[in-house]
Amino acid sequence: MARGGVLHQMNPNDEPIYTSKRAAKSLWQQYRIYRDRLELQSWIFFHTVVVLANEIQTIEVRPSVFSGHKGFTWGVKIDNCDLCRHVLLTKKSGFVKRIGFSPDDPEKFVAACKSIMTG
């Protein structure tokens, strides 16, 4: 898959190290973490968004908008993320740098993602 002029070869035998369960809060989308990338299924974009591990600048758990503190997420939201605890992914480059989404367990998703991030 081409990203920024670079061809990324995905191994079809790759097993994800974390797969978020489909749920209503994520609009039944699925989010997966592999050793070298994230794959964020998106009905809104009509495809799966692929973010290479070395393109991740930061990733954090955010509260819902109803909590008052830091709840509203600026950036592209690919599900109902502002309404519940969610993840904010900030990429190092690209047109869309901030992506908000709601995996089944935001803390576990962030921990698994941090384990694949490169300095």
PDB file of N, CA and C in Angstrom:
ATOM      1  N   MET A   1       0.844  -1.168   0.000  1.00  0.00           N
ATOM      2  CA  MET A   1       0.000   0.000   0.000  1.00  0.00           C
ATOM      3  C   MET A   1       0.888   1.229   0.000  1.00  0.00           C
ATOM      4  N   ALA A   2       0.615   2.174  -0.866  1.00  0.00           N
ATOM      5  CA  ALA A   2       1.450   3.360  -0.990  1.00  0.00           C
ATOM      6  C   ALA A   2       1.094   4.382   0.075  1.00  0.00           C
ATOM      7  N   ARG A   3       2.075   4.888   0.768  1.00  0.00           N
ATOM      8  CA  ARG A   3       1.903   5.933   1.772  1.00  0.00           C
ATOM      9  C   ARG A   3       3.059   6.913   1.597  1.00  0.00           C
ATOM     10  N   GLY A   4       2.755   8.131   1.195  1.00  0.00           N
ATOM     11  CA  GLY A   4       3.794   9.142   1.057  1.00  0.00           C
ATOM     12  C   GLY A   4       4.859   8.760   0.049  1.00  0.00           C
ATOM     13  N   GLY A   5       4.476   8.079  -1.029  1.00  0.00           N
ATOM     14  CA  GLY A   5       5.418   7.686  -2.056  1.00  0.00           C
ATOM     15  C   GLY A   5       6.224   6.449  -1.713  1.00  0.00           C
ATOM     16  N   VAL A   6       5.969   5.834  -0.577  1.00  0.00           N
ATOM     17  CA  VAL A   6       6.710   4.650  -0.160  1.00  0.00           C
ATOM     18  C   VAL A   6       5.773   3.449  -0.244  1.00  0.00           C
ATOM     19  N   LEU A   7       6.248   2.386  -0.856  1.00  0.00           N
ATOM     20  CA  LEU A   7       5.443   1.177  -0.960  1.00  0.00           C
ATOM     21  C   LEU A   7       5.664   0.334   0.282  1.00  0.00           C
ATOM     22  N   HIS A   8       4.583   0.012   0.964  1.00  0.00           N
ATOM     23  CA  HIS A   8       4.661  -0.796   2.182  1.00  0.00           C
ATOM     24  C   HIS A   8       4.106  -2.176   1.877  1.00  0.00           C
ATOM     25  N   GLN A   9       4.931  -3.187   2.012  1.00  0.00           N
ATOM     26  CA  GLN A   9       4.507  -4.559   1.772  1.00  0.00           C
ATOM     27  C   GLN A   9       3.924  -5.140   3.048  1.00  0.00           C
ATOM     28  N   MET A  10       2.658  -5.517   2.988  1.00  0.00           N
ATOM     29  CA  MET A  10       2.024  -6.137   4.143  1.00  0.00           C
ATOM     30  C   MET A  10       2.055  -7.639   3.977  1.00  0.00           C
ATOM     31  N   ASN A  11       2.487  -8.302   5.006  1.00  0.00           N
ATOM     32  CA  ASN A  11       2.555  -9.749   4.998  1.00  0.00           C
ATOM     33  C   ASN A  11       1.172 -10.293   5.365  1.00  0.00           C
ATOM     34  N   PRO A  12       0.534 -11.038   4.464  1.00  0.00           N
ATOM     35  CA  PRO A  12      -0.806 -11.546   4.770  1.00  0.00           C
ATOM     36  C   PRO A  12      -0.824 -12.533   5.938  1.00  0.00           C
ATOM     37  N   ASN A  13       0.340 -13.044   6.316  1.00  0.00           N
ATOM     38  CA  ASN A  13       0.416 -13.977   7.436  1.00  0.00           C
ATOM     39  C   ASN A  13       0.643 -13.270   8.768  1.00  0.00           C
ATOM     40  N   ASP A  14       0.742 -11.946   8.731  1.00  0.00           N
ATOM     41  CA  ASP A  14       0.906 -11.185   9.968  1.00  0.00           C
ATOM     42  C   ASP A  14      -0.262 -11.442  10.903  1.00  0.00           C
ATOM     43  N   GLU A  15       0.049 -11.609  12.152  1.00  0.00           N
ATOM     44  CA  GLU A  15      -0.979 -11.726  13.183  1.00  0.00           C
ATOM     45  C   GLU A  15      -0.970 -10.434  13.980  1.00  0.00           C
ATOM     46  N   PRO A  16      -2.117  -9.815  14.186  1.00  0.00           N
ATOM     47  CA  PRO A  16      -2.131  -8.600  15.006  1.00  0.00           C
ATOM     48  C   PRO A  16      -1.753  -8.907  16.451  1.00  0.00           C
ATOM     49  N   ILE A  17      -1.073  -7.938  17.084  1.00  0.00           N
ATOM     50  CA  ILE A  17      -0.747  -8.113  18.501  1.00  0.00           C
ATOM     51  C   ILE A  17      -1.897  -7.623  19.376  1.00  0.00           C
ATOM     52  N   TYR A  18      -2.792  -6.830  18.780  1.00  0.00           N
ATOM     53  CA  TYR A  18      -3.998  -6.403  19.487  1.00  0.00           C
ATOM     54  C   TYR A  18      -5.087  -6.136  18.458  1.00  0.00           C
ATOM     55  N   THR A  19      -6.278  -6.628  18.718  1.00  0.00           N
ATOM     56  CA  THR A  19      -7.444  -6.357  17.872  1.00  0.00           C
ATOM     57  C   THR A  19      -8.573  -5.878  18.766  1.00  0.00           C
ATOM     58  N   SER A  20      -9.069  -4.703  18.452  1.00  0.00           N
ATOM     59  CA  SER A  20     -10.187  -4.150  19.210  1.00  0.00           C
ATOM     60  C   SER A  20     -11.482  -4.815  18.762  1.00  0.00           C
ATOM     61  N   LYS A  21     -12.306  -5.206  19.724  1.00  0.00           N
ATOM     62  CA  LYS A  21     -13.591  -5.821  19.393  1.00  0.00           C
ATOM     63  C   LYS A  21     -14.526  -4.767  18.814  1.00  0.00           C
ATOM     64  N   ARG A  22     -15.345  -5.181  17.862  1.00  0.00           N
ATOM     65  CA  ARG A  22     -16.330  -4.283  17.268  1.00  0.00           C
ATOM     66  C   ARG A  22     -17.397  -3.941  18.310  1.00  0.00           C
ATOM     67  N   ALA A  23     -17.801  -2.673  18.336  1.00  0.00           N
ATOM     68  CA  ALA A  23     -18.813  -2.230  19.291  1.00  0.00           C
ATOM     69  C   ALA A  23     -19.561  -1.035  18.705  1.00  0.00           C
ATOM     70  N   ALA A  24     -20.701  -0.737  19.286  1.00  0.00           N
ATOM     71  CA  ALA A  24     -21.514   0.381  18.804  1.00  0.00           C
ATOM     72  C   ALA A  24     -20.745   1.702  18.885  1.00  0.00           C
ATOM     73  N   LYS A  25     -19.967   1.905  19.974  1.00  0.00           N
ATOM     74  CA  LYS A  25     -19.250   3.175  20.125  1.00  0.00           C
ATOM     75  C   LYS A  25     -18.217   3.390  19.022  1.00  0.00           C
ATOM     76  N   SER A  26     -17.729   2.303  18.428  1.00  0.00           N
ATOM     77  CA  SER A  26     -16.766   2.416  17.327  1.00  0.00           C
ATOM     78  C   SER A  26     -17.451   2.267  15.970  1.00  0.00           C
ATOM     79  N   LEU A  27     -18.777   2.328  15.967  1.00  0.00           N
ATOM     80  CA  LEU A  27     -19.573   2.155  14.746  1.00  0.00           C
ATOM     81  C   LEU A  27     -19.303   0.803  14.088  1.00  0.00           C
ATOM     82  N   TRP A  28     -19.034  -0.181  14.914  1.00  0.00           N
ATOM     83  CA  TRP A  28     -18.770  -1.565  14.490  1.00  0.00           C
ATOM     84  C   TRP A  28     -17.517  -1.682  13.612  1.00  0.00           C
ATOM     85  N   GLN A  29     -16.619  -0.709  13.725  1.00  0.00           N
ATOM     86  CA  GLN A  29     -15.355  -0.771  12.996  1.00  0.00           C
ATOM     87  C   GLN A  29     -14.351  -1.547  13.833  1.00  0.00           C
ATOM     88  N   GLN A  30     -13.281  -1.973  13.195  1.00  0.00           N
ATOM     89  CA  GLN A  30     -12.264  -2.742  13.911  1.00  0.00           C
ATOM     90  C   GLN A  30     -10.917  -2.047  13.776  1.00  0.00           C
ATOM     91  N   TYR A  31     -10.163  -2.036  14.878  1.00  0.00           N
ATOM     92  CA  TYR A  31      -8.845  -1.405  14.923  1.00  0.00           C
ATOM     93  C   TYR A  31      -7.825  -2.459  15.332  1.00  0.00           C
ATOM     94  N   ARG A  32      -6.747  -2.579  14.554  1.00  0.00           N
ATOM     95  CA  ARG A  32      -5.740  -3.618  14.793  1.00  0.00           C
ATOM     96  C   ARG A  32      -4.348  -3.001  14.899  1.00  0.00           C
ATOM     97  N   ILE A  33      -3.525  -3.619  15.773  1.00  0.00           N
ATOM     98  CA  ILE A  33      -2.125  -3.227  15.916  1.00  0.00           C
ATOM     99  C   ILE A  33      -1.269  -4.411  15.501  1.00  0.00           C
ATOM    100  N   TYR A  34      -0.357  -4.159  14.574  1.00  0.00           N
ATOM    101  CA  TYR A  34       0.637  -5.145  14.140  1.00  0.00           C
ATOM    102  C   TYR A  34       2.002  -4.681  14.624  1.00  0.00           C
ATOM    103  N   ARG A  35       3.019  -5.471  14.435  1.00  0.00           N
ATOM    104  CA  ARG A  35       4.363  -5.105  14.898  1.00  0.00           C
ATOM    105  C   ARG A  35       4.896  -3.842  14.223  1.00  0.00           C
ATOM    106  N   ASP A  36       4.433  -3.546  13.009  1.00  0.00           N
ATOM    107  CA  ASP A  36       4.982  -2.424  12.256  1.00  0.00           C
ATOM    108  C   ASP A  36       3.961  -1.359  11.862  1.00  0.00           C
ATOM    109  N   ARG A  37       2.685  -1.520  12.276  1.00  0.00           N
ATOM    110  CA  ARG A  37       1.667  -0.592  11.803  1.00  0.00           C
ATOM    111  C   ARG A  37       0.369  -0.707  12.606  1.00  0.00           C
ATOM    112  N   LEU A  38      -0.489   0.303  12.433  1.00  0.00           N
ATOM    113  CA  LEU A  38      -1.871   0.269  12.908  1.00  0.00           C
ATOM    114  C   LEU A  38      -2.761   0.181  11.673  1.00  0.00           C
ATOM    115  N   GLU A  39      -3.859  -0.518  11.798  1.00  0.00           N
ATOM    116  CA  GLU A  39      -4.865  -0.531  10.753  1.00  0.00           C
ATOM    117  C   GLU A  39      -6.184  -0.127  11.386  1.00  0.00           C
ATOM    118  N   LEU A  40      -6.733   0.981  10.908  1.00  0.00           N
ATOM    119  CA  LEU A  40      -7.971   1.529  11.451  1.00  0.00           C
ATOM    120  C   LEU A  40      -9.045   1.416  10.374  1.00  0.00           C
ATOM    121  N   GLN A  41      -9.925   0.457  10.540  1.00  0.00           N
ATOM    122  CA  GLN A  41     -11.011   0.286   9.578  1.00  0.00           C
ATOM    123  C   GLN A  41     -11.936   1.487   9.691  1.00  0.00           C
ATOM    124  N   SER A  42     -12.326   2.054   8.565  1.00  0.00           N
ATOM    125  CA  SER A  42     -13.149   3.256   8.598  1.00  0.00           C
ATOM    126  C   SER A  42     -14.254   3.200   7.571  1.00  0.00           C
ATOM    127  N   TRP A  43     -15.488   3.176   8.052  1.00  0.00           N
ATOM    128  CA  TRP A  43     -16.633   3.249   7.132  1.00  0.00           C
ATOM    129  C   TRP A  43     -16.705   4.651   6.538  1.00  0.00           C
ATOM    130  N   ILE A  44     -16.273   5.656   7.304  1.00  0.00           N
ATOM    131  CA  ILE A  44     -16.351   7.043   6.849  1.00  0.00           C
ATOM    132  C   ILE A  44     -15.426   7.282   5.658  1.00  0.00           C
ATOM    133  N   PHE A  45     -14.213   6.739   5.714  1.00  0.00           N
ATOM    134  CA  PHE A  45     -13.251   6.914   4.621  1.00  0.00           C
ATOM    135  C   PHE A  45     -13.395   5.829   3.556  1.00  0.00           C
ATOM    136  N   PHE A  46     -14.268   4.852   3.774  1.00  0.00           N
ATOM    137  CA  PHE A  46     -14.511   3.745   2.851  1.00  0.00           C
ATOM    138  C   PHE A  46     -13.280   2.876   2.599  1.00  0.00           C
ATOM    139  N   HIS A  47     -12.362   2.845   3.535  1.00  0.00           N
ATOM    140  CA  HIS A  47     -11.202   1.955   3.451  1.00  0.00           C
ATOM    141  C   HIS A  47     -10.535   1.859   4.821  1.00  0.00           C
ATOM    142  N   THR A  48      -9.478   1.095   4.899  1.00  0.00           N
ATOM    143  CA  THR A  48      -8.721   0.949   6.134  1.00  0.00           C
ATOM    144  C   THR A  48      -7.548   1.920   6.113  1.00  0.00           C
ATOM    145  N   VAL A  49      -7.463   2.741   7.143  1.00  0.00           N
ATOM    146  CA  VAL A  49      -6.362   3.696   7.281  1.00  0.00           C
ATOM    147  C   VAL A  49      -5.175   2.934   7.867  1.00  0.00           C
ATOM    148  N   VAL A  50      -4.017   3.003   7.197  1.00  0.00           N
ATOM    149  CA  VAL A  50      -2.807   2.334   7.661  1.00  0.00           C
ATOM    150  C   VAL A  50      -1.822   3.400   8.137  1.00  0.00           C
ATOM    151  N   VAL A  51      -1.358   3.261   9.380  1.00  0.00           N
ATOM    152  CA  VAL A  51      -0.364   4.180   9.941  1.00  0.00           C
ATOM    153  C   VAL A  51       0.842   3.336  10.347  1.00  0.00           C
ATOM    154  N   LEU A  52       1.978   3.598   9.706  1.00  0.00           N
ATOM    155  CA  LEU A  52       3.202   2.866  10.049  1.00  0.00           C
ATOM    156  C   LEU A  52       3.671   3.267  11.443  1.00  0.00           C
ATOM    157  N   ALA A  53       4.255   2.336  12.158  1.00  0.00           N
ATOM    158  CA  ALA A  53       4.695   2.578  13.545  1.00  0.00           C
ATOM    159  C   ALA A  53       5.649   3.757  13.637  1.00  0.00           C
ATOM    160  N   ASN A  54       6.530   3.909  12.670  1.00  0.00           N
ATOM    161  CA  ASN A  54       7.502   5.006  12.735  1.00  0.00           C
ATOM    162  C   ASN A  54       6.898   6.361  12.364  1.00  0.00           C
ATOM    163  N   GLU A  55       5.610   6.388  11.976  1.00  0.00           N
ATOM    164  CA  GLU A  55       4.910   7.633  11.683  1.00  0.00           C
ATOM    165  C   GLU A  55       4.097   8.133  12.875  1.00  0.00           C
ATOM    166  N   ILE A  56       4.058   7.362  13.960  1.00  0.00           N
ATOM    167  CA  ILE A  56       3.281   7.756  15.132  1.00  0.00           C
ATOM    168  C   ILE A  56       4.106   8.711  15.985  1.00  0.00           C
ATOM    169  N   GLN A  57       3.581   9.914  16.176  1.00  0.00           N
ATOM    170  CA  GLN A  57       4.261  10.884  17.042  1.00  0.00           C
ATOM    171  C   GLN A  57       3.847  10.665  18.492  1.00  0.00           C
ATOM    172  N   THR A  58       2.537  10.661  18.742  1.00  0.00           N
ATOM    173  CA  THR A  58       2.020  10.399  20.089  1.00  0.00           C
ATOM    174  C   THR A  58       0.709   9.639  19.990  1.00  0.00           C
ATOM    175  N   ILE A  59       0.378   8.965  21.071  1.00  0.00           N
ATOM    176  CA  ILE A  59      -0.915   8.300  21.186  1.00  0.00           C
ATOM    177  C   ILE A  59      -1.310   8.372  22.653  1.00  0.00           C
ATOM    178  N   GLU A  60      -2.565   8.746  22.897  1.00  0.00           N
ATOM    179  CA  GLU A  60      -3.000   8.930  24.277  1.00  0.00           C
ATOM    180  C   GLU A  60      -4.479   8.613  24.427  1.00  0.00           C
ATOM    181  N   VAL A  61      -4.860   8.299  25.659  1.00  0.00           N
ATOM    182  CA  VAL A  61      -6.268   8.087  25.997  1.00  0.00           C
ATOM    183  C   VAL A  61      -6.856   9.438  26.375  1.00  0.00           C
ATOM    184  N   ARG A  62      -8.049   9.708  25.850  1.00  0.00           N
ATOM    185  CA  ARG A  62      -8.744  10.968  26.130  1.00  0.00           C
ATOM    186  C   ARG A  62     -10.107  10.682  26.747  1.00  0.00           C
ATOM    187  N   PRO A  63     -10.594  11.573  27.606  1.00  0.00           N
ATOM    188  CA  PRO A  63     -11.928  11.390  28.202  1.00  0.00           C
ATOM    189  C   PRO A  63     -13.021  11.830  27.227  1.00  0.00           C
ATOM    190  N   SER A  64     -14.261  11.573  27.585  1.00  0.00           N
ATOM    191  CA  SER A  64     -15.383  12.022  26.756  1.00  0.00           C
ATOM    192  C   SER A  64     -15.574  13.525  26.925  1.00  0.00           C
ATOM    193  N   VAL A  65     -16.343  14.133  26.033  1.00  0.00           N
ATOM    194  CA  VAL A  65     -16.615  15.569  26.130  1.00  0.00           C
ATOM    195  C   VAL A  65     -17.393  15.886  27.397  1.00  0.00           C
ATOM    196  N   PHE A  66     -18.095  14.910  27.926  1.00  0.00           N
ATOM    197  CA  PHE A  66     -18.917  15.130  29.110  1.00  0.00           C
ATOM    198  C   PHE A  66     -18.101  15.211  30.394  1.00  0.00           C
ATOM    199  N   SER A  67     -16.834  14.826  30.347  1.00  0.00           N
ATOM    200  CA  SER A  67     -15.998  14.887  31.545  1.00  0.00           C
ATOM    201  C   SER A  67     -15.486  16.296  31.795  1.00  0.00           C
ATOM    202  N   GLY A  68     -15.527  17.151  30.766  1.00  0.00           N
ATOM    203  CA  GLY A  68     -15.112  18.539  30.936  1.00  0.00           C
ATOM    204  C   GLY A  68     -13.659  18.810  30.611  1.00  0.00           C
ATOM    205  N   HIS A  69     -12.737  17.958  31.041  1.00  0.00           N
ATOM    206  CA  HIS A  69     -11.304  18.225  30.876  1.00  0.00           C
ATOM    207  C   HIS A  69     -10.735  17.469  29.677  1.00  0.00           C
ATOM    208  N   LYS A  70     -10.228  18.202  28.695  1.00  0.00           N
ATOM    209  CA  LYS A  70      -9.559  17.611  27.519  1.00  0.00           C
ATOM    210  C   LYS A  70     -10.420  16.591  26.779  1.00  0.00           C
ATOM    211  N   GLY A  71     -11.717  16.693  26.836  1.00  0.00           N
ATOM    212  CA  GLY A  71     -12.566  15.692  26.217  1.00  0.00           C
ATOM    213  C   GLY A  71     -12.750  15.853  24.727  1.00  0.00           C
ATOM    214  N   PHE A  72     -12.856  17.107  24.252  1.00  0.00           N
ATOM    215  CA  PHE A  72     -13.085  17.325  22.829  1.00  0.00           C
ATOM    216  C   PHE A  72     -11.791  17.120  22.062  1.00  0.00           C
ATOM    217  N   THR A  73     -11.851  16.348  21.009  1.00  0.00           N
ATOM    218  CA  THR A  73     -10.668  16.028  20.213  1.00  0.00           C
ATOM    219  C   THR A  73     -10.691  16.799  18.901  1.00  0.00           C
ATOM    220  N   TRP A  74      -9.650  17.598  18.666  1.00  0.00           N
ATOM    221  CA  TRP A  74      -9.498  18.261  17.373  1.00  0.00           C
ATOM    222  C   TRP A  74      -8.852  17.285  16.413  1.00  0.00           C
ATOM    223  N   GLY A  75      -9.378  17.180  15.230  1.00  0.00           N
ATOM    224  CA  GLY A  75      -8.839  16.276  14.217  1.00  0.00           C
ATOM    225  C   GLY A  75      -9.956  15.462  13.600  1.00  0.00           C
ATOM    226  N   VAL A  76      -9.588  14.490  12.833  1.00  0.00           N
ATOM    227  CA  VAL A  76     -10.554  13.616  12.176  1.00  0.00           C
ATOM    228  C   VAL A  76     -11.033  12.573  13.178  1.00  0.00           C
ATOM    229  N   LYS A  77     -12.330  12.380  13.230  1.00  0.00           N
ATOM    230  CA  LYS A  77     -12.914  11.369  14.125  1.00  0.00           C
ATOM    231  C   LYS A  77     -13.550  10.305  13.251  1.00  0.00           C
ATOM    232  N   ILE A  78     -13.141   9.059  13.429  1.00  0.00           N
ATOM    233  CA  ILE A  78     -13.669   8.009  12.558  1.00  0.00           C
ATOM    234  C   ILE A  78     -14.772   7.191  13.215  1.00  0.00           C
ATOM    235  N   ASP A  79     -15.217   7.628  14.392  1.00  0.00           N
ATOM    236  CA  ASP A  79     -16.365   6.996  15.045  1.00  0.00           C
ATOM    237  C   ASP A  79     -16.942   7.982  16.063  1.00  0.00           C
ATOM    238  N   ASN A  80     -17.631   7.499  17.073  1.00  0.00           N
ATOM    239  CA  ASN A  80     -18.260   8.353  18.091  1.00  0.00           C
ATOM    240  C   ASN A  80     -17.305   8.712  19.225  1.00  0.00           C
ATOM    241  N   CYS A  81     -16.057   8.964  18.925  1.00  0.00           N
ATOM    242  CA  CYS A  81     -15.030   9.071  19.960  1.00  0.00           C
ATOM    243  C   CYS A  81     -15.253  10.173  20.984  1.00  0.00           C
ATOM    244  N   ASP A  82     -15.835  11.286  20.627  1.00  0.00           N
ATOM    245  CA  ASP A  82     -16.008  12.357  21.612  1.00  0.00           C
ATOM    246  C   ASP A  82     -17.026  12.007  22.693  1.00  0.00           C
ATOM    247  N   LEU A  83     -17.840  10.988  22.450  1.00  0.00           N
ATOM    248  CA  LEU A  83     -18.901  10.639  23.397  1.00  0.00           C
ATOM    249  C   LEU A  83     -18.471   9.651  24.474  1.00  0.00           C
ATOM    250  N   CYS A  84     -17.242   9.140  24.392  1.00  0.00           N
ATOM    251  CA  CYS A  84     -16.762   8.148  25.358  1.00  0.00           C
ATOM    252  C   CYS A  84     -15.242   8.266  25.483  1.00  0.00           C
ATOM    253  N   ARG A  85     -14.648   7.498  26.418  1.00  0.00           N
ATOM    254  CA  ARG A  85     -13.182   7.455  26.497  1.00  0.00           C
ATOM    255  C   ARG A  85     -12.672   6.969  25.150  1.00  0.00           C
ATOM    256  N   HIS A  86     -11.639   7.612  24.642  1.00  0.00           N
ATOM    257  CA  HIS A  86     -11.179   7.292  23.295  1.00  0.00           C
ATOM    258  C   HIS A  86      -9.675   7.498  23.172  1.00  0.00           C
ATOM    259  N   VAL A  87      -9.173   7.228  21.991  1.00  0.00           N
ATOM    260  CA  VAL A  87      -7.745   7.347  21.706  1.00  0.00           C
ATOM    261  C   VAL A  87      -7.545   8.488  20.714  1.00  0.00           C
ATOM    262  N   LEU A  88      -6.523   9.299  20.965  1.00  0.00           N
ATOM    263  CA  LEU A  88      -6.106  10.324  20.013  1.00  0.00           C
ATOM    264  C   LEU A  88      -4.719   9.937  19.505  1.00  0.00           C
ATOM    265  N   LEU A  89      -4.636   9.723  18.206  1.00  0.00           N
ATOM    266  CA  LEU A  89      -3.386   9.376  17.529  1.00  0.00           C
ATOM    267  C   LEU A  89      -2.899  10.610  16.792  1.00  0.00           C
ATOM    268  N   THR A  90      -1.644  11.002  17.032  1.00  0.00           N
ATOM    269  CA  THR A  90      -1.041  12.118  16.313  1.00  0.00           C
ATOM    270  C   THR A  90       0.105  11.572  15.473  1.00  0.00           C
ATOM    271  N   LYS A  91       0.007  11.800  14.160  1.00  0.00           N
ATOM    272  CA  LYS A  91       1.036  11.331  13.231  1.00  0.00           C
ATOM    273  C   LYS A  91       2.100  12.410  13.031  1.00  0.00           C
ATOM    274  N   LYS A  92       3.307  11.979  12.629  1.00  0.00           N
ATOM    275  CA  LYS A  92       4.413  12.910  12.395  1.00  0.00           C
ATOM    276  C   LYS A  92       4.200  13.743  11.140  1.00  0.00           C
ATOM    277  N   SER A  93       3.519  13.190  10.139  1.00  0.00           N
ATOM    278  CA  SER A  93       3.352  13.912   8.881  1.00  0.00           C
ATOM    279  C   SER A  93       2.039  13.488   8.221  1.00  0.00           C
ATOM    280  N   GLY A  94       1.743  14.146   7.114  1.00  0.00           N
ATOM    281  CA  GLY A  94       0.545  13.812   6.361  1.00  0.00           C
ATOM    282  C   GLY A  94      -0.496  14.901   6.443  1.00  0.00           C
ATOM    283  N   PHE A  95      -1.480  14.842   5.569  1.00  0.00           N
ATOM    284  CA  PHE A  95      -2.554  15.828   5.533  1.00  0.00           C
ATOM    285  C   PHE A  95      -3.399  15.758   6.804  1.00  0.00           C
ATOM    286  N   VAL A  96      -3.733  14.539   7.216  1.00  0.00           N
ATOM    287  CA  VAL A  96      -4.493  14.324   8.449  1.00  0.00           C
ATOM    288  C   VAL A  96      -3.513  13.845   9.510  1.00  0.00           C
ATOM    289  N   LYS A  97      -3.236  14.715  10.489  1.00  0.00           N
ATOM    290  CA  LYS A  97      -2.243  14.361  11.510  1.00  0.00           C
ATOM    291  C   LYS A  97      -2.858  13.845  12.793  1.00  0.00           C
ATOM    292  N   ARG A  98      -4.094  14.217  13.097  1.00  0.00           N
ATOM    293  CA  ARG A  98      -4.739  13.811  14.356  1.00  0.00           C
ATOM    294  C   ARG A  98      -5.986  13.002  14.035  1.00  0.00           C
ATOM    295  N   ILE A  99      -6.044  11.786  14.593  1.00  0.00           N
ATOM    296  CA  ILE A  99      -7.169  10.885  14.353  1.00  0.00           C
ATOM    297  C   ILE A  99      -7.701  10.422  15.701  1.00  0.00           C
ATOM    298  N   GLY A 100      -8.999  10.603  15.917  1.00  0.00           N
ATOM    299  CA  GLY A 100      -9.649  10.134  17.129  1.00  0.00           C
ATOM    300  C   GLY A 100     -10.506   8.915  16.818  1.00  0.00           C
ATOM    301  N   PHE A 101     -10.462   7.921  17.707  1.00  0.00           N
ATOM    302  CA  PHE A 101     -11.251   6.700  17.523  1.00  0.00           C
ATOM    303  C   PHE A 101     -11.442   6.009  18.862  1.00  0.00           C
ATOM    304  N   SER A 102     -12.386   5.055  18.892  1.00  0.00           N
ATOM    305  CA  SER A 102     -12.798   4.417  20.152  1.00  0.00           C
ATOM    306  C   SER A 102     -12.599   2.906  20.136  1.00  0.00           C
ATOM    307  N   PRO A 103     -11.411   2.419  20.466  1.00  0.00           N
ATOM    308  CA  PRO A 103     -11.242   0.971  20.588  1.00  0.00           C
ATOM    309  C   PRO A 103     -11.997   0.458  21.814  1.00  0.00           C
ATOM    310  N   ASP A 104     -12.176  -0.845  21.905  1.00  0.00           N
ATOM    311  CA  ASP A 104     -12.946  -1.426  23.014  1.00  0.00           C
ATOM    312  C   ASP A 104     -12.324  -1.122  24.374  1.00  0.00           C
ATOM    313  N   ASP A 105     -11.009  -1.114  24.461  1.00  0.00           N
ATOM    314  CA  ASP A 105     -10.306  -0.808  25.711  1.00  0.00           C
ATOM    315  C   ASP A 105      -9.184   0.185  25.392  1.00  0.00           C
ATOM    316  N   PRO A 106      -9.457   1.493  25.509  1.00  0.00           N
ATOM    317  CA  PRO A 106      -8.466   2.495  25.107  1.00  0.00           C
ATOM    318  C   PRO A 106      -7.104   2.343  25.790  1.00  0.00           C
ATOM    319  N   GLU A 107      -7.083   2.016  27.090  1.00  0.00           N
ATOM    320  CA  GLU A 107      -5.807   1.890  27.799  1.00  0.00           C
ATOM    321  C   GLU A 107      -4.963   0.741  27.239  1.00  0.00           C
ATOM    322  N   LYS A 108      -5.575  -0.413  27.011  1.00  0.00           N
ATOM    323  CA  LYS A 108      -4.839  -1.551  26.451  1.00  0.00           C
ATOM    324  C   LYS A 108      -4.376  -1.261  25.028  1.00  0.00           C
ATOM    325  N   PHE A 109      -5.220  -0.577  24.250  1.00  0.00           N
ATOM    326  CA  PHE A 109      -4.848  -0.236  22.880  1.00  0.00           C
ATOM    327  C   PHE A 109      -3.627   0.674  22.879  1.00  0.00           C
ATOM    328  N   VAL A 110      -3.636   1.699  23.720  1.00  0.00           N
ATOM    329  CA  VAL A 110      -2.501   2.639  23.785  1.00  0.00           C
ATOM    330  C   VAL A 110      -1.237   1.918  24.251  1.00  0.00           C
ATOM    331  N   ALA A 111      -1.342   1.064  25.253  1.00  0.00           N
ATOM    332  CA  ALA A 111      -0.168   0.321  25.740  1.00  0.00           C
ATOM    333  C   ALA A 111       0.416  -0.560  24.643  1.00  0.00           C
ATOM    334  N   ALA A 112      -0.446  -1.249  23.905  1.00  0.00           N
ATOM    335  CA  ALA A 112       0.036  -2.106  22.816  1.00  0.00           C
ATOM    336  C   ALA A 112       0.666  -1.269  21.710  1.00  0.00           C
ATOM    337  N   CYS A 113       0.075  -0.131  21.437  1.00  0.00           N
ATOM    338  CA  CYS A 113       0.618   0.749  20.394  1.00  0.00           C
ATOM    339  C   CYS A 113       1.971   1.316  20.794  1.00  0.00           C
ATOM    340  N   LYS A 114       2.114   1.715  22.037  1.00  0.00           N
ATOM    341  CA  LYS A 114       3.406   2.245  22.500  1.00  0.00           C
ATOM    342  C   LYS A 114       4.503   1.198  22.419  1.00  0.00           C
ATOM    343  N   SER A 115       4.132  -0.068  22.515  1.00  0.00           N
ATOM    344  CA  SER A 115       5.144  -1.134  22.438  1.00  0.00           C
ATOM    345  C   SER A 115       5.740  -1.276  21.025  1.00  0.00           C
ATOM    346  N   ILE A 116       5.051  -0.763  19.997  1.00  0.00           N
ATOM    347  CA  ILE A 116       5.575  -0.879  18.626  1.00  0.00           C
ATOM    348  C   ILE A 116       6.199   0.423  18.129  1.00  0.00           C
ATOM    349  N   MET A 117       6.038   1.505  18.901  1.00  0.00           N
ATOM    350  CA  MET A 117       6.552   2.799  18.451  1.00  0.00           C
ATOM    351  C   MET A 117       8.074   2.818  18.488  1.00  0.00           C
ATOM    352  N   THR A 118       8.629   3.478  17.476  1.00  0.00           N
ATOM    353  CA  THR A 118      10.082   3.644  17.407  1.00  0.00           C
ATOM    354  C   THR A 118      10.436   5.076  17.744  1.00  0.00           C
ATOM    355  N   GLY A 119      11.609   5.245  18.356  1.00  0.00           N
ATOM    356  CA  GLY A 119      12.075   6.545  18.803  1.00  0.00           C
ATOM    357  C   GLY A 119      12.077   7.571  17.779  1.00  0.00           C
TER     358      GLY A 119
END
